[in-house]
N, C-alpha and C. Protein backbone atom coordinates (compact mmCIF):
# COMPACT_ATOMS: atom_id res chain seq x y z
N MET A 1 7.00 4.71 -11.50
CA MET A 1 6.84 3.40 -10.90
C MET A 1 6.87 3.52 -9.39
N LEU A 2 6.19 2.58 -8.75
CA LEU A 2 6.14 2.64 -7.30
C LEU A 2 6.25 1.26 -6.68
N SER A 3 6.62 1.25 -5.42
CA SER A 3 6.62 0.03 -4.62
C SER A 3 5.37 0.07 -3.76
N VAL A 4 4.70 -1.06 -3.62
CA VAL A 4 3.50 -1.15 -2.81
C VAL A 4 3.85 -1.91 -1.53
N ILE A 5 3.55 -1.29 -0.41
CA ILE A 5 3.75 -1.93 0.90
C ILE A 5 2.37 -2.28 1.44
N ILE A 6 2.17 -3.55 1.75
CA ILE A 6 0.88 -4.01 2.26
C ILE A 6 1.06 -4.42 3.72
N ASP A 7 0.31 -3.78 4.60
CA ASP A 7 0.38 -4.09 6.02
C ASP A 7 -0.59 -5.23 6.32
N ALA A 8 -0.05 -6.43 6.53
CA ALA A 8 -0.86 -7.62 6.78
C ALA A 8 -0.69 -8.10 8.22
N ARG A 9 -0.20 -7.25 9.10
CA ARG A 9 0.02 -7.68 10.48
C ARG A 9 -1.27 -7.98 11.22
N GLY A 10 -2.32 -7.25 10.92
CA GLY A 10 -3.59 -7.46 11.63
C GLY A 10 -4.42 -8.57 11.02
N GLU A 11 -4.63 -8.51 9.74
CA GLU A 11 -5.49 -9.45 9.05
C GLU A 11 -4.94 -9.66 7.65
N ALA A 12 -4.77 -10.92 7.27
CA ALA A 12 -4.18 -11.21 5.97
C ALA A 12 -5.12 -11.98 5.04
N GLN A 13 -6.36 -12.19 5.45
CA GLN A 13 -7.27 -12.97 4.61
C GLN A 13 -7.55 -12.32 3.26
N GLY A 14 -7.61 -11.00 3.21
CA GLY A 14 -7.90 -10.30 1.97
C GLY A 14 -6.68 -10.09 1.08
N LEU A 15 -5.53 -10.52 1.54
CA LEU A 15 -4.28 -10.29 0.82
C LEU A 15 -4.26 -10.87 -0.59
N PRO A 16 -4.68 -12.10 -0.83
CA PRO A 16 -4.66 -12.62 -2.20
C PRO A 16 -5.49 -11.79 -3.19
N ALA A 17 -6.64 -11.30 -2.75
CA ALA A 17 -7.48 -10.49 -3.64
C ALA A 17 -6.79 -9.17 -3.98
N LEU A 18 -6.15 -8.54 -2.99
CA LEU A 18 -5.43 -7.29 -3.25
C LEU A 18 -4.25 -7.53 -4.18
N LEU A 19 -3.52 -8.60 -3.94
CA LEU A 19 -2.37 -8.91 -4.81
C LEU A 19 -2.81 -9.13 -6.25
N SER A 20 -3.95 -9.76 -6.44
CA SER A 20 -4.42 -9.95 -7.83
C SER A 20 -4.80 -8.62 -8.47
N GLN A 21 -5.35 -7.68 -7.69
CA GLN A 21 -5.64 -6.35 -8.24
C GLN A 21 -4.36 -5.62 -8.61
N LEU A 22 -3.32 -5.78 -7.83
CA LEU A 22 -2.06 -5.10 -8.09
C LEU A 22 -1.35 -5.64 -9.32
N THR A 23 -1.68 -6.86 -9.72
CA THR A 23 -1.07 -7.46 -10.91
C THR A 23 -1.31 -6.59 -12.14
N ALA A 24 -2.50 -6.02 -12.26
CA ALA A 24 -2.80 -5.15 -13.40
C ALA A 24 -1.88 -3.94 -13.41
N GLY A 25 -1.57 -3.40 -12.23
CA GLY A 25 -0.64 -2.28 -12.14
C GLY A 25 0.77 -2.66 -12.53
N ALA A 26 1.16 -3.90 -12.24
CA ALA A 26 2.49 -4.37 -12.64
C ALA A 26 2.56 -4.54 -14.15
N VAL A 27 1.49 -5.07 -14.73
CA VAL A 27 1.45 -5.26 -16.18
C VAL A 27 1.52 -3.92 -16.90
N ASP A 28 0.85 -2.90 -16.33
CA ASP A 28 0.87 -1.55 -16.93
C ASP A 28 2.16 -0.79 -16.64
N GLY A 29 3.05 -1.34 -15.82
CA GLY A 29 4.32 -0.69 -15.54
C GLY A 29 4.29 0.29 -14.38
N LEU A 30 3.17 0.36 -13.65
CA LEU A 30 3.08 1.28 -12.52
C LEU A 30 3.66 0.66 -11.25
N VAL A 31 3.34 -0.59 -10.98
CA VAL A 31 3.81 -1.28 -9.78
C VAL A 31 5.11 -2.00 -10.09
N ARG A 32 6.14 -1.63 -9.38
CA ARG A 32 7.47 -2.23 -9.60
C ARG A 32 7.73 -3.38 -8.64
N GLN A 33 7.19 -3.27 -7.43
CA GLN A 33 7.56 -4.20 -6.37
C GLN A 33 6.45 -4.23 -5.33
N VAL A 34 6.25 -5.40 -4.72
CA VAL A 34 5.27 -5.54 -3.63
C VAL A 34 6.01 -6.06 -2.40
N LEU A 35 5.83 -5.36 -1.29
CA LEU A 35 6.45 -5.74 -0.02
C LEU A 35 5.33 -5.93 0.99
N ILE A 36 5.35 -7.05 1.69
CA ILE A 36 4.30 -7.37 2.65
C ILE A 36 4.85 -7.27 4.06
N VAL A 37 4.17 -6.49 4.89
CA VAL A 37 4.55 -6.36 6.29
C VAL A 37 3.76 -7.40 7.07
N ALA A 38 4.47 -8.31 7.73
CA ALA A 38 3.82 -9.40 8.46
C ALA A 38 4.60 -9.71 9.72
N ALA A 39 3.90 -10.22 10.71
CA ALA A 39 4.54 -10.66 11.94
C ALA A 39 5.42 -11.87 11.64
N ASP A 40 6.50 -12.00 12.36
CA ASP A 40 7.41 -13.12 12.17
C ASP A 40 6.65 -14.44 12.37
N GLY A 41 6.72 -15.31 11.39
CA GLY A 41 6.06 -16.60 11.47
C GLY A 41 4.56 -16.56 11.21
N GLN A 42 4.06 -15.44 10.71
CA GLN A 42 2.62 -15.34 10.41
C GLN A 42 2.26 -16.40 9.37
N PRO A 43 1.25 -17.23 9.65
CA PRO A 43 0.92 -18.35 8.78
C PRO A 43 0.61 -17.94 7.34
N GLY A 44 1.20 -18.65 6.39
CA GLY A 44 0.91 -18.49 4.98
C GLY A 44 1.61 -17.36 4.26
N ILE A 45 2.23 -16.45 4.99
CA ILE A 45 2.84 -15.27 4.35
C ILE A 45 4.02 -15.67 3.48
N ASP A 46 4.91 -16.50 3.99
CA ASP A 46 6.08 -16.90 3.20
C ASP A 46 5.67 -17.59 1.91
N HIS A 47 4.69 -18.47 2.00
CA HIS A 47 4.20 -19.19 0.81
C HIS A 47 3.57 -18.22 -0.19
N LEU A 48 2.77 -17.29 0.31
CA LEU A 48 2.13 -16.29 -0.55
C LEU A 48 3.16 -15.40 -1.22
N CYS A 49 4.16 -14.98 -0.47
CA CYS A 49 5.23 -14.14 -1.05
C CYS A 49 5.95 -14.89 -2.16
N GLU A 50 6.24 -16.15 -1.92
CA GLU A 50 6.92 -16.95 -2.93
C GLU A 50 6.07 -17.08 -4.19
N ASP A 51 4.78 -17.34 -4.03
CA ASP A 51 3.87 -17.50 -5.18
C ASP A 51 3.70 -16.21 -5.98
N MET A 52 3.67 -15.08 -5.29
CA MET A 52 3.36 -13.81 -5.93
C MET A 52 4.59 -12.96 -6.25
N GLY A 53 5.78 -13.42 -5.87
CA GLY A 53 6.98 -12.63 -6.13
C GLY A 53 7.11 -11.42 -5.23
N ALA A 54 6.49 -11.47 -4.06
CA ALA A 54 6.56 -10.37 -3.10
C ALA A 54 7.65 -10.66 -2.07
N GLU A 55 7.94 -9.66 -1.23
CA GLU A 55 8.93 -9.81 -0.17
C GLU A 55 8.26 -9.54 1.16
N ALA A 56 8.63 -10.28 2.20
CA ALA A 56 8.09 -10.07 3.54
C ALA A 56 9.07 -9.26 4.39
N HIS A 57 8.51 -8.35 5.21
CA HIS A 57 9.30 -7.51 6.11
C HIS A 57 8.54 -7.35 7.42
N PRO A 58 9.24 -7.11 8.53
CA PRO A 58 8.57 -7.04 9.83
C PRO A 58 7.87 -5.71 10.13
N THR A 59 8.28 -4.63 9.46
CA THR A 59 7.68 -3.31 9.73
C THR A 59 7.53 -2.53 8.42
N ILE A 60 6.69 -1.51 8.47
CA ILE A 60 6.53 -0.63 7.31
C ILE A 60 7.85 0.08 7.01
N GLU A 61 8.57 0.48 8.05
CA GLU A 61 9.85 1.16 7.85
C GLU A 61 10.87 0.26 7.16
N ALA A 62 10.92 -1.02 7.57
CA ALA A 62 11.85 -1.97 6.94
C ALA A 62 11.47 -2.20 5.49
N ALA A 63 10.19 -2.29 5.22
CA ALA A 63 9.75 -2.46 3.83
C ALA A 63 10.11 -1.23 3.00
N GLY A 64 9.94 -0.05 3.57
CA GLY A 64 10.31 1.18 2.86
C GLY A 64 11.79 1.24 2.56
N ALA A 65 12.61 0.81 3.51
CA ALA A 65 14.06 0.80 3.30
C ALA A 65 14.46 -0.19 2.21
N ALA A 66 13.69 -1.26 2.05
CA ALA A 66 14.00 -2.28 1.04
C ALA A 66 13.37 -1.98 -0.32
N SER A 67 12.55 -0.95 -0.40
CA SER A 67 11.87 -0.65 -1.66
C SER A 67 12.87 -0.18 -2.71
N ARG A 68 12.55 -0.48 -3.97
CA ARG A 68 13.41 -0.08 -5.08
C ARG A 68 12.87 1.15 -5.80
N ALA A 69 11.72 1.63 -5.39
CA ALA A 69 11.13 2.81 -6.02
C ALA A 69 11.13 3.97 -5.03
N ASP A 70 11.16 5.18 -5.54
CA ASP A 70 11.12 6.35 -4.68
C ASP A 70 9.72 6.66 -4.18
N GLN A 71 8.70 6.21 -4.91
CA GLN A 71 7.31 6.42 -4.51
C GLN A 71 6.75 5.14 -3.91
N LEU A 72 6.02 5.29 -2.81
CA LEU A 72 5.43 4.14 -2.11
C LEU A 72 3.93 4.31 -2.02
N MET A 73 3.22 3.20 -2.09
CA MET A 73 1.80 3.17 -1.79
C MET A 73 1.65 2.16 -0.66
N VAL A 74 1.21 2.63 0.50
CA VAL A 74 1.06 1.78 1.68
C VAL A 74 -0.42 1.49 1.85
N LEU A 75 -0.77 0.20 1.89
CA LEU A 75 -2.16 -0.23 1.95
C LEU A 75 -2.37 -1.27 3.03
N PRO A 76 -3.57 -1.34 3.61
CA PRO A 76 -3.88 -2.45 4.50
C PRO A 76 -4.20 -3.69 3.67
N ALA A 77 -4.06 -4.87 4.25
CA ALA A 77 -4.26 -6.12 3.50
C ALA A 77 -5.69 -6.31 3.03
N ASP A 78 -6.66 -5.74 3.71
CA ASP A 78 -8.06 -5.92 3.32
C ASP A 78 -8.54 -4.83 2.35
N PHE A 79 -7.64 -4.05 1.81
CA PHE A 79 -7.95 -2.94 0.90
C PHE A 79 -8.42 -3.47 -0.45
N ARG A 80 -9.39 -2.79 -1.04
CA ARG A 80 -9.84 -3.09 -2.40
C ARG A 80 -9.72 -1.82 -3.23
N LEU A 81 -8.98 -1.91 -4.32
CA LEU A 81 -8.76 -0.77 -5.20
C LEU A 81 -10.01 -0.50 -6.04
N ARG A 82 -10.23 0.76 -6.33
CA ARG A 82 -11.37 1.16 -7.17
C ARG A 82 -11.01 0.98 -8.64
N ASP A 83 -12.02 0.84 -9.47
CA ASP A 83 -11.80 0.82 -10.92
C ASP A 83 -11.11 2.13 -11.31
N GLY A 84 -10.17 2.04 -12.22
CA GLY A 84 -9.45 3.23 -12.68
C GLY A 84 -8.31 3.67 -11.79
N TRP A 85 -7.96 2.85 -10.80
CA TRP A 85 -6.90 3.23 -9.86
C TRP A 85 -5.56 3.44 -10.54
N ILE A 86 -5.26 2.66 -11.56
CA ILE A 86 -3.97 2.77 -12.23
C ILE A 86 -3.82 4.15 -12.85
N ARG A 87 -4.83 4.60 -13.55
CA ARG A 87 -4.81 5.92 -14.17
C ARG A 87 -4.75 7.02 -13.12
N SER A 88 -5.56 6.90 -12.06
CA SER A 88 -5.60 7.93 -11.02
C SER A 88 -4.25 8.08 -10.31
N VAL A 89 -3.67 6.97 -9.91
CA VAL A 89 -2.39 7.01 -9.22
C VAL A 89 -1.29 7.48 -10.17
N GLY A 90 -1.29 6.96 -11.39
CA GLY A 90 -0.30 7.38 -12.38
C GLY A 90 -0.38 8.87 -12.68
N ASP A 91 -1.60 9.40 -12.81
CA ASP A 91 -1.78 10.84 -13.05
C ASP A 91 -1.26 11.66 -11.87
N HIS A 92 -1.54 11.21 -10.66
CA HIS A 92 -1.07 11.93 -9.49
C HIS A 92 0.46 11.96 -9.45
N LEU A 93 1.08 10.82 -9.70
CA LEU A 93 2.54 10.74 -9.67
C LEU A 93 3.17 11.60 -10.77
N ALA A 94 2.51 11.70 -11.91
CA ALA A 94 3.03 12.53 -13.00
C ALA A 94 2.94 14.02 -12.67
N ARG A 95 1.94 14.41 -11.89
CA ARG A 95 1.74 15.82 -11.53
C ARG A 95 2.53 16.26 -10.32
N SER A 96 2.69 15.34 -9.34
CA SER A 96 3.19 15.78 -8.05
C SER A 96 3.83 14.63 -7.28
N ALA A 97 4.75 14.97 -6.41
CA ALA A 97 5.32 13.99 -5.49
C ALA A 97 4.72 14.16 -4.10
N GLU A 98 3.69 15.01 -3.99
CA GLU A 98 3.04 15.25 -2.70
C GLU A 98 2.33 14.00 -2.21
N PRO A 99 2.35 13.75 -0.91
CA PRO A 99 1.61 12.62 -0.36
C PRO A 99 0.11 12.76 -0.62
N ALA A 100 -0.56 11.64 -0.67
CA ALA A 100 -2.00 11.65 -0.91
C ALA A 100 -2.64 10.43 -0.27
N VAL A 101 -3.93 10.55 -0.01
CA VAL A 101 -4.71 9.42 0.47
C VAL A 101 -5.20 8.65 -0.74
N VAL A 102 -5.08 7.33 -0.69
CA VAL A 102 -5.61 6.47 -1.75
C VAL A 102 -6.92 5.91 -1.22
N ALA A 103 -8.01 6.29 -1.85
CA ALA A 103 -9.34 5.86 -1.40
C ALA A 103 -9.66 4.47 -1.93
N GLY A 104 -10.17 3.63 -1.07
CA GLY A 104 -10.54 2.29 -1.47
C GLY A 104 -12.04 2.13 -1.54
N LEU A 105 -12.47 0.94 -1.91
CA LEU A 105 -13.89 0.63 -1.96
C LEU A 105 -14.41 0.36 -0.56
N ALA A 106 -15.52 1.00 -0.21
CA ALA A 106 -16.14 0.76 1.09
C ALA A 106 -17.01 -0.49 0.98
N GLU A 107 -16.85 -1.37 1.94
CA GLU A 107 -17.67 -2.57 1.99
C GLU A 107 -18.47 -2.53 3.29
N GLY A 108 -19.68 -3.06 3.25
CA GLY A 108 -20.45 -3.13 4.49
C GLY A 108 -21.52 -2.08 4.61
N GLY A 109 -21.84 -1.37 3.55
CA GLY A 109 -22.98 -0.46 3.61
C GLY A 109 -22.61 1.00 3.63
N LEU A 110 -23.65 1.81 3.65
CA LEU A 110 -23.55 3.25 3.53
C LEU A 110 -22.71 3.91 4.63
N PHE A 111 -22.82 3.43 5.85
CA PHE A 111 -22.15 4.08 6.97
C PHE A 111 -20.86 3.39 7.39
N SER A 112 -20.38 2.48 6.56
CA SER A 112 -19.13 1.81 6.90
C SER A 112 -17.96 2.76 6.68
N ARG A 113 -16.89 2.51 7.38
CA ARG A 113 -15.68 3.32 7.24
C ARG A 113 -15.03 3.08 5.90
N ARG A 114 -14.66 4.14 5.22
CA ARG A 114 -14.00 4.02 3.93
C ARG A 114 -12.53 3.66 4.16
N PRO A 115 -12.09 2.55 3.58
CA PRO A 115 -10.68 2.17 3.74
C PRO A 115 -9.78 3.14 2.98
N PHE A 116 -8.56 3.29 3.45
CA PHE A 116 -7.63 4.18 2.78
C PHE A 116 -6.22 3.62 2.84
N GLY A 117 -5.43 4.10 1.91
CA GLY A 117 -4.00 3.85 1.89
C GLY A 117 -3.31 5.19 1.78
N VAL A 118 -1.99 5.18 1.75
CA VAL A 118 -1.23 6.42 1.69
C VAL A 118 -0.20 6.31 0.57
N LEU A 119 -0.12 7.34 -0.23
CA LEU A 119 0.87 7.45 -1.30
C LEU A 119 1.89 8.49 -0.85
N LEU A 120 3.18 8.11 -0.81
CA LEU A 120 4.20 9.03 -0.31
C LEU A 120 5.56 8.68 -0.88
N GLU A 121 6.49 9.61 -0.73
CA GLU A 121 7.87 9.36 -1.12
C GLU A 121 8.57 8.52 -0.06
N ARG A 122 9.47 7.66 -0.49
CA ARG A 122 10.19 6.78 0.42
C ARG A 122 10.92 7.56 1.51
N ARG A 123 11.48 8.69 1.18
CA ARG A 123 12.25 9.47 2.15
C ARG A 123 11.41 9.89 3.35
N ARG A 124 10.11 9.97 3.19
CA ARG A 124 9.23 10.37 4.30
C ARG A 124 9.07 9.28 5.35
N LEU A 125 9.50 8.06 5.03
CA LEU A 125 9.48 6.97 6.01
C LEU A 125 10.77 6.88 6.80
N GLU A 126 11.83 7.45 6.28
CA GLU A 126 13.14 7.35 6.92
C GLU A 126 13.10 7.96 8.31
N GLY A 127 13.65 7.23 9.28
CA GLY A 127 13.72 7.71 10.64
C GLY A 127 12.45 7.52 11.46
N ARG A 128 11.40 7.01 10.85
CA ARG A 128 10.15 6.77 11.59
C ARG A 128 10.25 5.45 12.34
N ARG A 129 9.54 5.37 13.42
CA ARG A 129 9.47 4.13 14.19
C ARG A 129 8.00 3.86 14.49
N GLY A 130 7.59 2.63 14.31
CA GLY A 130 6.23 2.25 14.65
C GLY A 130 5.18 2.83 13.73
N ALA A 131 5.53 3.04 12.47
CA ALA A 131 4.57 3.63 11.53
C ALA A 131 3.42 2.68 11.25
N ASP A 132 2.23 3.23 11.18
CA ASP A 132 1.06 2.53 10.70
C ASP A 132 0.28 3.52 9.83
N LEU A 133 -0.76 3.06 9.18
CA LEU A 133 -1.47 3.93 8.24
C LEU A 133 -2.09 5.16 8.91
N GLN A 134 -2.71 4.98 10.07
CA GLN A 134 -3.32 6.12 10.75
C GLN A 134 -2.27 7.17 11.11
N ARG A 135 -1.15 6.72 11.64
CA ARG A 135 -0.09 7.64 12.03
C ARG A 135 0.51 8.34 10.82
N LEU A 136 0.74 7.59 9.73
CA LEU A 136 1.28 8.22 8.52
C LEU A 136 0.33 9.29 7.99
N ARG A 137 -0.94 8.97 7.94
CA ARG A 137 -1.91 9.94 7.42
C ARG A 137 -1.94 11.19 8.31
N ARG A 138 -1.94 11.00 9.60
CA ARG A 138 -1.97 12.14 10.53
C ARG A 138 -0.68 12.95 10.43
N ASP A 139 0.47 12.27 10.46
CA ASP A 139 1.76 12.98 10.42
C ASP A 139 1.97 13.74 9.11
N LEU A 140 1.43 13.22 8.03
CA LEU A 140 1.57 13.88 6.74
C LEU A 140 0.51 14.96 6.52
N GLY A 141 -0.43 15.06 7.43
CA GLY A 141 -1.49 16.07 7.33
C GLY A 141 -2.44 15.81 6.17
N LEU A 142 -2.68 14.55 5.88
CA LEU A 142 -3.53 14.21 4.74
C LEU A 142 -4.99 14.17 5.17
N ARG A 143 -5.76 15.07 4.57
CA ARG A 143 -7.18 15.09 4.87
C ARG A 143 -8.02 15.01 3.60
N ALA A 144 -7.85 15.95 2.70
CA ALA A 144 -8.77 16.07 1.58
C ALA A 144 -8.24 15.47 0.28
N ARG A 145 -6.93 15.50 0.06
CA ARG A 145 -6.40 15.00 -1.22
C ARG A 145 -6.61 13.49 -1.32
N ARG A 146 -7.36 13.08 -2.32
CA ARG A 146 -7.62 11.66 -2.49
C ARG A 146 -7.28 11.25 -3.91
N VAL A 147 -6.70 10.08 -4.03
CA VAL A 147 -6.32 9.51 -5.32
C VAL A 147 -6.94 8.13 -5.37
N GLY A 148 -7.35 7.70 -6.56
CA GLY A 148 -7.81 6.32 -6.70
C GLY A 148 -9.27 6.13 -6.63
């Protein structure tokens, strides 16, 4: 089981769609908890958290400290999961605790940037300050390993 941290500090419009995709993971027993990283007073976040049973936190590090699972999946709010993500992530967690990139669906054409998330152990967030997805991916040395 894992906790999902969603970084909605930049853009939160895609958040409801991502939360609905994560519901399937909760039903299958993979997703234990959803934590949303949002700026203090960010419009609509408190209401969305209440509706979806999620928790709001000011930073990725604070969300990691509040997580109830040892494995975390950190995603941007506009992320879209690929079909079969539950099996892919579950298989990776069963094989290894190594960090991995979670590949998302690319929107916007052939040359658009492929969105990504990061799968990692909670302990790897401890002591970090100012973590974001780019920094986590770089610090963990994640290049080729992809899940999802």
